[in-house]
Amino acid sequence: MAGPEALDLAYCGPPPAPTQLVTSWNLDPVLLGVLGASTVAYLWRCRATGGQRTAFLSAQAVLLIAFVSPLCALSVALFSARIAHHMLMVAVAAPLLAYALPRTLPGRWLTAAALGHMVLLWLWHAPLAYGWAVEGVASYWLMEVTLLASAVAFWSAAVARRPEAPSVILALILTMAQMGLLAALITFAQEPLFGPHLATTQAFGLTPLEDQQLAGLIMWAPGALPYFAAVVWLAARWLKGLENDEAMAWRG
C-alpha cells in the first residue's frame, strides 16, 4: 500500500496546507493546451447544434474545475476530494460529452460499455490500484483517462439507445446500484483503506477514517443524482410514449 510520502510525486503536487489551497491552481501548460485545443477544434470542425455546443462547453468547464481549480490539489490531501473529482468526471462531464460528441458507440454496445465502466470504477477505487495510481503522473493519467473514457462510452451508448428506454433505465439503475455498493463498502469500512491519505487529512480537521466515510457518502448521494435524474427523465418519456401509443390505438 502506498504511503503518504508517495504523494510528493502526485500530478497535482504535494498535499497543500489549508492556507495554501486558494492559490493551489494547476496551471500545467500541457493540460491547458489540450483543453483549449480540443475546445477550438470542436467549435470549428464539429457540426453541432446549439444545445450540443452548450453541453460541450459545460463539460469543459467541469473538467477545468476537476483538473485546474484547487480541487486538484485538495484531492491529493483528501480522499473525499478525489471522489468528488471522480464524480464530476463520470457523472457530470461524461454525460455532457456523450451528448455533445458525434455518436461513435452504437446502442447495442450498452451492456458492454456499462460493464466496462463498472469494472474500471471498482478497479481504480481498490486500495492497491488507487495507491499505485496516485504515485506518479503516468499512472495518475491512466486512472483519470480510463475512468472518463469508460463513462463517456457508457453515456454515449445510453444516448444512442434512447428509443429503447427500458434497457437504458435498467443499465442506469444497475450502474447506480453498483456505485452505491462500492460507496457502502468505503463508508462502512472499520479502518482507513487508502494509505496515501493517512497523514494528509488531519490538517483539514478530519481523521483518515472520517475522510474515507465522507468520500463514500459523496459517491453514494451526490454521485448518484445524475443517474437518478436520467432514470426519472427517461421513465417519464417512456411512459408518455406508451400513453401516446395507447391513445393512437384507441383512435384507430
C-alpha atoms as a PDB file:
ATOM      1  CA  MET A   1       0.000   0.000   0.000  1.00  0.00           C
ATOM      2  CA  ALA A   2       1.378   3.382  -0.978  1.00  0.00           C
ATOM      3  CA  GLY A   3       2.255   5.661   1.892  1.00  0.00           C
ATOM      4  CA  PRO A   4       1.815   9.411   2.311  1.00  0.00           C
ATOM      5  CA  GLU A   5       5.339  10.063   1.012  1.00  0.00           C
ATOM      6  CA  ALA A   6       4.217   8.797  -2.418  1.00  0.00           C
ATOM      7  CA  LEU A   7       2.094  11.925  -2.819  1.00  0.00           C
ATOM      8  CA  ASP A   8       5.219  14.063  -3.234  1.00  0.00           C
ATOM      9  CA  LEU A   9       5.188  12.782  -6.835  1.00  0.00           C
ATOM     10  CA  ALA A  10       1.451  13.260  -7.379  1.00  0.00           C
ATOM     11  CA  TYR A  11       0.377  15.034 -10.555  1.00  0.00           C
ATOM     12  CA  CYS A  12      -1.325  17.884  -8.697  1.00  0.00           C
ATOM     13  CA  GLY A  13       1.695  18.347  -6.448  1.00  0.00           C
ATOM     14  CA  PRO A  14       2.279  17.581  -2.767  1.00  0.00           C
ATOM     15  CA  PRO A  15      -0.664  17.849  -0.348  1.00  0.00           C
ATOM     16  CA  PRO A  16      -1.389  21.538   0.306  1.00  0.00           C
ATOM     17  CA  ALA A  17      -1.930  23.120   3.695  1.00  0.00           C
ATOM     18  CA  PRO A  18      -5.384  24.664   4.159  1.00  0.00           C
ATOM     19  CA  THR A  19      -3.852  28.152   3.939  1.00  0.00           C
ATOM     20  CA  GLN A  20      -2.272  27.267   0.578  1.00  0.00           C
ATOM     21  CA  LEU A  21      -5.415  25.893  -1.003  1.00  0.00           C
ATOM     22  CA  VAL A  22      -6.794  29.111  -2.507  1.00  0.00           C
ATOM     23  CA  THR A  23      -3.624  29.622  -4.518  1.00  0.00           C
ATOM     24  CA  SER A  24      -3.148  25.949  -5.442  1.00  0.00           C
ATOM     25  CA  TRP A  25      -4.291  26.151  -9.065  1.00  0.00           C
ATOM     26  CA  ASN A  26      -2.949  23.623 -11.560  1.00  0.00           C
ATOM     27  CA  LEU A  27      -1.599  25.639 -14.490  1.00  0.00           C
ATOM     28  CA  ASP A  28       0.009  22.728 -16.316  1.00  0.00           C
ATOM     29  CA  PRO A  29       0.566  24.117 -19.844  1.00  0.00           C
ATOM     30  CA  VAL A  30       0.080  20.708 -21.456  1.00  0.00           C
ATOM     31  CA  LEU A  31      -3.295  20.215 -19.770  1.00  0.00           C
ATOM     32  CA  LEU A  32      -4.425  23.753 -20.569  1.00  0.00           C
ATOM     33  CA  GLY A  33      -3.252  23.319 -24.150  1.00  0.00           C
ATOM     34  CA  VAL A  34      -5.181  20.081 -24.595  1.00  0.00           C
ATOM     35  CA  LEU A  35      -8.366  21.567 -23.153  1.00  0.00           C
ATOM     36  CA  GLY A  36      -8.009  24.730 -25.219  1.00  0.00           C
ATOM     37  CA  ALA A  37      -7.151  22.926 -28.471  1.00  0.00           C
ATOM     38  CA  SER A  38      -9.991  20.435 -28.066  1.00  0.00           C
ATOM     39  CA  THR A  39     -12.448  23.287 -27.491  1.00  0.00           C
ATOM     40  CA  VAL A  40     -11.275  25.183 -30.585  1.00  0.00           C
ATOM     41  CA  ALA A  41     -11.310  22.018 -32.686  1.00  0.00           C
ATOM     42  CA  TYR A  42     -14.817  21.128 -31.560  1.00  0.00           C
ATOM     43  CA  LEU A  43     -16.279  24.566 -32.217  1.00  0.00           C
ATOM     44  CA  TRP A  44     -14.502  24.851 -35.576  1.00  0.00           C
ATOM     45  CA  ARG A  45     -14.898  21.369 -37.048  1.00  0.00           C
ATOM     46  CA  CYS A  46     -17.841  19.669 -35.367  1.00  0.00           C
ATOM     47  CA  ARG A  47     -21.294  20.212 -36.872  1.00  0.00           C
ATOM     48  CA  ALA A  48     -23.176  20.554 -33.616  1.00  0.00           C
ATOM     49  CA  THR A  49     -26.453  22.074 -32.570  1.00  0.00           C
ATOM     50  CA  GLY A  50     -26.593  24.944 -30.130  1.00  0.00           C
ATOM     51  CA  GLY A  51     -27.522  22.530 -27.361  1.00  0.00           C
ATOM     52  CA  GLN A  52     -24.577  20.266 -28.160  1.00  0.00           C
ATOM     53  CA  ARG A  53     -22.137  23.186 -28.152  1.00  0.00           C
ATOM     54  CA  THR A  54     -23.500  24.314 -24.785  1.00  0.00           C
ATOM     55  CA  ALA A  55     -23.106  20.771 -23.436  1.00  0.00           C
ATOM     56  CA  PHE A  56     -19.511  20.553 -24.683  1.00  0.00           C
ATOM     57  CA  LEU A  57     -18.538  23.910 -23.194  1.00  0.00           C
ATOM     58  CA  SER A  58     -20.226  22.929 -19.921  1.00  0.00           C
ATOM     59  CA  ALA A  59     -18.254  19.673 -19.875  1.00  0.00           C
ATOM     60  CA  GLN A  60     -15.027  21.591 -20.460  1.00  0.00           C
ATOM     61  CA  ALA A  61     -15.912  23.893 -17.562  1.00  0.00           C
ATOM     62  CA  VAL A  62     -16.456  20.850 -15.316  1.00  0.00           C
ATOM     63  CA  LEU A  63     -13.089  19.433 -16.376  1.00  0.00           C
ATOM     64  CA  LEU A  64     -11.457  22.771 -15.568  1.00  0.00           C
ATOM     65  CA  ILE A  65     -12.954  22.561 -12.075  1.00  0.00           C
ATOM     66  CA  ALA A  66     -11.740  18.967 -11.704  1.00  0.00           C
ATOM     67  CA  PHE A  67      -8.196  19.394 -13.033  1.00  0.00           C
ATOM     68  CA  VAL A  68      -7.269  23.095 -12.875  1.00  0.00           C
ATOM     69  CA  SER A  69      -9.043  24.519  -9.809  1.00  0.00           C
ATOM     70  CA  PRO A  70      -7.738  23.919  -6.245  1.00  0.00           C
ATOM     71  CA  LEU A  71      -9.884  20.770  -6.183  1.00  0.00           C
ATOM     72  CA  CYS A  72      -6.999  19.059  -7.985  1.00  0.00           C
ATOM     73  CA  ALA A  73      -4.604  19.895  -5.154  1.00  0.00           C
ATOM     74  CA  LEU A  74      -7.194  19.126  -2.477  1.00  0.00           C
ATOM     75  CA  SER A  75      -7.691  15.658  -3.961  1.00  0.00           C
ATOM     76  CA  VAL A  76      -4.056  14.917  -3.123  1.00  0.00           C
ATOM     77  CA  ALA A  77      -4.748  15.567   0.547  1.00  0.00           C
ATOM     78  CA  LEU A  78      -8.290  14.217   0.908  1.00  0.00           C
ATOM     79  CA  PHE A  79      -9.737  11.022  -0.494  1.00  0.00           C
ATOM     80  CA  SER A  80     -13.172  12.651  -0.253  1.00  0.00           C
ATOM     81  CA  ALA A  81     -11.986  15.390  -2.631  1.00  0.00           C
ATOM     82  CA  ARG A  82     -10.696  12.719  -5.002  1.00  0.00           C
ATOM     83  CA  ILE A  83     -14.116  11.059  -5.012  1.00  0.00           C
ATOM     84  CA  ALA A  84     -15.786  14.417  -5.664  1.00  0.00           C
ATOM     85  CA  HIS A  85     -13.303  14.905  -8.514  1.00  0.00           C
ATOM     86  CA  HIS A  86     -14.162  11.490  -9.977  1.00  0.00           C
ATOM     87  CA  MET A  87     -17.902  12.026  -9.632  1.00  0.00           C
ATOM     88  CA  LEU A  88     -17.599  15.316 -11.520  1.00  0.00           C
ATOM     89  CA  MET A  89     -15.888  13.394 -14.320  1.00  0.00           C
ATOM     90  CA  VAL A  90     -18.061  10.301 -14.645  1.00  0.00           C
ATOM     91  CA  ALA A  91     -21.467  11.665 -13.607  1.00  0.00           C
ATOM     92  CA  VAL A  92     -21.370  15.261 -14.917  1.00  0.00           C
ATOM     93  CA  ALA A  93     -18.697  15.799 -17.597  1.00  0.00           C
ATOM     94  CA  ALA A  94     -19.161  12.362 -19.198  1.00  0.00           C
ATOM     95  CA  PRO A  95     -22.915  12.618 -19.974  1.00  0.00           C
ATOM     96  CA  LEU A  96     -22.407  16.165 -21.277  1.00  0.00           C
ATOM     97  CA  LEU A  97     -19.623  14.959 -23.591  1.00  0.00           C
ATOM     98  CA  ALA A  98     -21.693  11.964 -24.684  1.00  0.00           C
ATOM     99  CA  TYR A  99     -24.489  14.315 -25.732  1.00  0.00           C
ATOM    100  CA  ALA A 100     -22.157  16.813 -27.391  1.00  0.00           C
ATOM    101  CA  LEU A 101     -19.909  14.454 -29.368  1.00  0.00           C
ATOM    102  CA  PRO A 102     -20.859  12.578 -32.553  1.00  0.00           C
ATOM    103  CA  ARG A 103     -22.409   9.181 -31.880  1.00  0.00           C
ATOM    104  CA  THR A 104     -19.425   6.838 -32.126  1.00  0.00           C
ATOM    105  CA  LEU A 105     -20.753   3.986 -29.968  1.00  0.00           C
ATOM    106  CA  PRO A 106     -23.993   2.302 -31.090  1.00  0.00           C
ATOM    107  CA  GLY A 107     -26.692   1.452 -28.590  1.00  0.00           C
ATOM    108  CA  ARG A 108     -26.102  -2.282 -28.945  1.00  0.00           C
ATOM    109  CA  TRP A 109     -22.849  -1.771 -27.009  1.00  0.00           C
ATOM    110  CA  LEU A 110     -24.719  -0.500 -23.970  1.00  0.00           C
ATOM    111  CA  THR A 111     -24.248  -3.662 -21.880  1.00  0.00           C
ATOM    112  CA  ALA A 112     -20.537  -3.947 -22.679  1.00  0.00           C
ATOM    113  CA  ALA A 113     -19.981  -0.241 -22.043  1.00  0.00           C
ATOM    114  CA  ALA A 114     -21.806  -0.413 -18.709  1.00  0.00           C
ATOM    115  CA  LEU A 115     -19.789  -3.448 -17.585  1.00  0.00           C
ATOM    116  CA  GLY A 116     -16.508  -1.853 -18.652  1.00  0.00           C
ATOM    117  CA  HIS A 117     -17.313   1.311 -16.753  1.00  0.00           C
ATOM    118  CA  MET A 118     -18.286  -0.650 -13.635  1.00  0.00           C
ATOM    119  CA  VAL A 119     -15.077  -2.713 -13.702  1.00  0.00           C
ATOM    120  CA  LEU A 120     -12.878   0.362 -14.020  1.00  0.00           C
ATOM    121  CA  LEU A 121     -14.782   2.183 -11.281  1.00  0.00           C
ATOM    122  CA  TRP A 122     -14.162  -0.678  -8.863  1.00  0.00           C
ATOM    123  CA  LEU A 123     -10.578  -1.222 -10.023  1.00  0.00           C
ATOM    124  CA  TRP A 124      -9.420   2.365  -9.507  1.00  0.00           C
ATOM    125  CA  HIS A 125     -11.101   2.638  -6.115  1.00  0.00           C
ATOM    126  CA  ALA A 126      -9.490  -0.542  -4.804  1.00  0.00           C
ATOM    127  CA  PRO A 127      -6.801   0.442  -2.275  1.00  0.00           C
ATOM    128  CA  LEU A 128      -3.823  -1.128  -4.064  1.00  0.00           C
ATOM    129  CA  ALA A 129      -4.704   0.175  -7.530  1.00  0.00           C
ATOM    130  CA  TYR A 130      -5.568   3.592  -6.153  1.00  0.00           C
ATOM    131  CA  GLY A 131      -2.321   3.794  -4.217  1.00  0.00           C
ATOM    132  CA  TRP A 132      -0.337   2.946  -7.354  1.00  0.00           C
ATOM    133  CA  ALA A 133      -2.290   5.430  -9.469  1.00  0.00           C
ATOM    134  CA  VAL A 134      -1.521   8.433  -7.294  1.00  0.00           C
ATOM    135  CA  GLU A 135       2.217   7.735  -7.072  1.00  0.00           C
ATOM    136  CA  GLY A 136       3.132   9.370 -10.353  1.00  0.00           C
ATOM    137  CA  VAL A 137       1.973  11.308 -13.379  1.00  0.00           C
ATOM    138  CA  ALA A 138       1.649   8.456 -15.885  1.00  0.00           C
ATOM    139  CA  SER A 139      -0.299   6.206 -13.521  1.00  0.00           C
ATOM    140  CA  TYR A 140      -2.497   9.126 -12.477  1.00  0.00           C
ATOM    141  CA  TRP A 141      -3.473   9.906 -16.051  1.00  0.00           C
ATOM    142  CA  LEU A 142      -4.062   6.235 -16.794  1.00  0.00           C
ATOM    143  CA  MET A 143      -6.644   6.209 -13.991  1.00  0.00           C
ATOM    144  CA  GLU A 144      -8.244   9.513 -14.975  1.00  0.00           C
ATOM    145  CA  VAL A 145      -8.415   8.895 -18.734  1.00  0.00           C
ATOM    146  CA  THR A 146      -9.791   5.363 -18.445  1.00  0.00           C
ATOM    147  CA  LEU A 147     -12.429   6.432 -15.931  1.00  0.00           C
ATOM    148  CA  LEU A 148     -13.554   9.343 -18.090  1.00  0.00           C
ATOM    149  CA  ALA A 149     -13.414   7.402 -21.377  1.00  0.00           C
ATOM    150  CA  SER A 150     -15.394   4.467 -19.986  1.00  0.00           C
ATOM    151  CA  ALA A 151     -18.007   6.839 -18.563  1.00  0.00           C
ATOM    152  CA  VAL A 152     -18.321   8.691 -21.874  1.00  0.00           C
ATOM    153  CA  ALA A 153     -18.663   5.353 -23.673  1.00  0.00           C
ATOM    154  CA  PHE A 154     -21.423   4.258 -21.289  1.00  0.00           C
ATOM    155  CA  TRP A 155     -23.382   7.509 -21.548  1.00  0.00           C
ATOM    156  CA  SER A 156     -22.839   7.615 -25.329  1.00  0.00           C
ATOM    157  CA  ALA A 157     -24.301   4.131 -25.747  1.00  0.00           C
ATOM    158  CA  ALA A 158     -27.193   5.123 -23.475  1.00  0.00           C
ATOM    159  CA  VAL A 159     -27.910   8.247 -25.532  1.00  0.00           C
ATOM    160  CA  ALA A 160     -27.693   6.288 -28.790  1.00  0.00           C
ATOM    161  CA  ARG A 161     -30.207   3.766 -27.497  1.00  0.00           C
ATOM    162  CA  ARG A 162     -32.644   6.334 -26.125  1.00  0.00           C
ATOM    163  CA  PRO A 163     -35.699   4.982 -28.034  1.00  0.00           C
ATOM    164  CA  GLU A 164     -35.303   1.708 -26.132  1.00  0.00           C
ATOM    165  CA  ALA A 165     -35.806   3.389 -22.800  1.00  0.00           C
ATOM    166  CA  PRO A 166     -36.399   0.280 -20.615  1.00  0.00           C
ATOM    167  CA  SER A 167     -32.942  -1.130 -21.385  1.00  0.00           C
ATOM    168  CA  VAL A 168     -31.305   2.238 -20.746  1.00  0.00           C
ATOM    169  CA  ILE A 169     -33.240   2.692 -17.499  1.00  0.00           C
ATOM    170  CA  LEU A 170     -32.122  -0.772 -16.346  1.00  0.00           C
ATOM    171  CA  ALA A 171     -28.483  -0.042 -17.226  1.00  0.00           C
ATOM    172  CA  LEU A 172     -28.612   3.255 -15.316  1.00  0.00           C
ATOM    173  CA  ILE A 173     -30.218   1.613 -12.274  1.00  0.00           C
ATOM    174  CA  LEU A 174     -27.625  -1.189 -12.225  1.00  0.00           C
ATOM    175  CA  THR A 175     -24.794   1.323 -12.578  1.00  0.00           C
ATOM    176  CA  MET A 176     -26.241   3.376  -9.748  1.00  0.00           C
ATOM    177  CA  ALA A 177     -26.673   0.241  -7.615  1.00  0.00           C
ATOM    178  CA  GLN A 178     -23.094  -0.985  -8.041  1.00  0.00           C
ATOM    179  CA  MET A 179     -21.812   2.516  -7.308  1.00  0.00           C
ATOM    180  CA  GLY A 180     -23.926   2.502  -4.151  1.00  0.00           C
ATOM    181  CA  LEU A 181     -22.429  -0.853  -3.140  1.00  0.00           C
ATOM    182  CA  LEU A 182     -18.892   0.443  -3.657  1.00  0.00           C
ATOM    183  CA  ALA A 183     -19.790   3.577  -1.695  1.00  0.00           C
ATOM    184  CA  ALA A 184     -21.189   1.461   1.144  1.00  0.00           C
ATOM    185  CA  LEU A 185     -18.001  -0.600   1.371  1.00  0.00           C
ATOM    186  CA  ILE A 186     -15.941   2.587   1.556  1.00  0.00           C
ATOM    187  CA  THR A 187     -18.284   4.290   4.042  1.00  0.00           C
ATOM    188  CA  PHE A 188     -18.679   1.399   6.477  1.00  0.00           C
ATOM    189  CA  ALA A 189     -15.094   0.124   6.459  1.00  0.00           C
ATOM    190  CA  GLN A 190     -13.818  -0.142  10.017  1.00  0.00           C
ATOM    191  CA  GLU A 191     -10.359   1.223   9.246  1.00  0.00           C
ATOM    192  CA  PRO A 192      -8.735   3.556   6.713  1.00  0.00           C
ATOM    193  CA  LEU A 193      -8.076   1.726   3.464  1.00  0.00           C
ATOM    194  CA  PHE A 194      -6.179   4.291   1.410  1.00  0.00           C
ATOM    195  CA  GLY A 195      -2.586   4.618   2.548  1.00  0.00           C
ATOM    196  CA  PRO A 196      -1.639   7.801   0.661  1.00  0.00           C
ATOM    197  CA  HIS A 197      -4.072   9.835   2.773  1.00  0.00           C
ATOM    198  CA  LEU A 198      -3.170   8.511   6.214  1.00  0.00           C
ATOM    199  CA  ALA A 199      -1.099  11.580   7.108  1.00  0.00           C
ATOM    200  CA  THR A 200      -2.776  14.244   4.964  1.00  0.00           C
ATOM    201  CA  THR A 201      -6.281  14.654   6.371  1.00  0.00           C
ATOM    202  CA  GLN A 202      -5.594  15.980   9.871  1.00  0.00           C
ATOM    203  CA  ALA A 203      -4.690  19.441   8.591  1.00  0.00           C
ATOM    204  CA  PHE A 204      -8.268  19.729   7.317  1.00  0.00           C
ATOM    205  CA  GLY A 205      -9.836  18.634  10.595  1.00  0.00           C
ATOM    206  CA  LEU A 206     -10.574  15.060   9.557  1.00  0.00           C
ATOM    207  CA  THR A 207      -9.194  11.717  10.609  1.00  0.00           C
ATOM    208  CA  PRO A 208      -8.371   9.346   7.716  1.00  0.00           C
ATOM    209  CA  LEU A 209     -11.438   7.271   8.578  1.00  0.00           C
ATOM    210  CA  GLU A 210     -13.717  10.324   8.649  1.00  0.00           C
ATOM    211  CA  ASP A 211     -12.320  11.446   5.302  1.00  0.00           C
ATOM    212  CA  GLN A 212     -12.982   7.981   3.891  1.00  0.00           C
ATOM    213  CA  GLN A 213     -16.534   7.967   5.246  1.00  0.00           C
ATOM    214  CA  LEU A 214     -17.175  11.374   3.698  1.00  0.00           C
ATOM    215  CA  ALA A 215     -15.834  10.045   0.393  1.00  0.00           C
ATOM    216  CA  GLY A 216     -18.273   7.145   0.491  1.00  0.00           C
ATOM    217  CA  LEU A 217     -21.178   9.472   1.228  1.00  0.00           C
ATOM    218  CA  ILE A 218     -20.222  11.737  -1.694  1.00  0.00           C
ATOM    219  CA  MET A 219     -20.209   8.767  -4.046  1.00  0.00           C
ATOM    220  CA  TRP A 220     -23.433   7.433  -2.533  1.00  0.00           C
ATOM    221  CA  ALA A 221     -25.598  10.569  -2.701  1.00  0.00           C
ATOM    222  CA  PRO A 222     -24.363  13.413  -4.941  1.00  0.00           C
ATOM    223  CA  GLY A 223     -22.615  10.937  -7.244  1.00  0.00           C
ATOM    224  CA  ALA A 224     -25.836   9.036  -7.861  1.00  0.00           C
ATOM    225  CA  LEU A 225     -28.011  12.093  -8.518  1.00  0.00           C
ATOM    226  CA  PRO A 226     -27.265  12.448 -12.271  1.00  0.00           C
ATOM    227  CA  TYR A 227     -28.030   8.753 -12.811  1.00  0.00           C
ATOM    228  CA  PHE A 228     -31.247   9.053 -10.821  1.00  0.00           C
ATOM    229  CA  ALA A 229     -32.250  12.185 -12.734  1.00  0.00           C
ATOM    230  CA  ALA A 230     -31.632  10.374 -16.030  1.00  0.00           C
ATOM    231  CA  VAL A 231     -33.749   7.419 -14.875  1.00  0.00           C
ATOM    232  CA  VAL A 232     -36.646   9.710 -13.894  1.00  0.00           C
ATOM    233  CA  TRP A 233     -36.450  11.660 -17.165  1.00  0.00           C
ATOM    234  CA  LEU A 234     -36.279   8.551 -19.361  1.00  0.00           C
ATOM    235  CA  ALA A 235     -39.031   6.819 -17.410  1.00  0.00           C
ATOM    236  CA  ALA A 236     -41.288   9.864 -17.861  1.00  0.00           C
ATOM    237  CA  ARG A 237     -40.556   9.910 -21.621  1.00  0.00           C
ATOM    238  CA  TRP A 238     -41.177   6.177 -21.916  1.00  0.00           C
ATOM    239  CA  LEU A 239     -44.484   6.327 -20.046  1.00  0.00           C
ATOM    240  CA  LYS A 240     -45.568   9.320 -22.108  1.00  0.00           C
ATOM    241  CA  GLY A 241     -44.744   7.373 -25.260  1.00  0.00           C
ATOM    242  CA  LEU A 242     -46.805   4.432 -24.036  1.00  0.00           C
ATOM    243  CA  GLU A 243     -49.738   6.748 -23.323  1.00  0.00           C
ATOM    244  CA  ASN A 244     -49.498   8.277 -26.805  1.00  0.00           C
ATOM    245  CA  ASP A 245     -49.342   4.831 -28.411  1.00  0.00           C
ATOM    246  CA  GLU A 246     -52.373   3.718 -26.398  1.00  0.00           C
ATOM    247  CA  ALA A 247     -54.281   6.868 -27.376  1.00  0.00           C
ATOM    248  CA  MET A 248     -53.457   6.300 -31.034  1.00  0.00           C
ATOM    249  CA  ALA A 249     -54.559   2.673 -30.766  1.00  0.00           C
ATOM    250  CA  TRP A 250     -57.928   3.741 -29.312  1.00  0.00           C
ATOM    251  CA  ARG A 251     -58.400   6.261 -32.103  1.00  0.00           C
ATOM    252  CA  GLY A 252     -57.564   3.627 -34.655  1.00  0.00           C
END
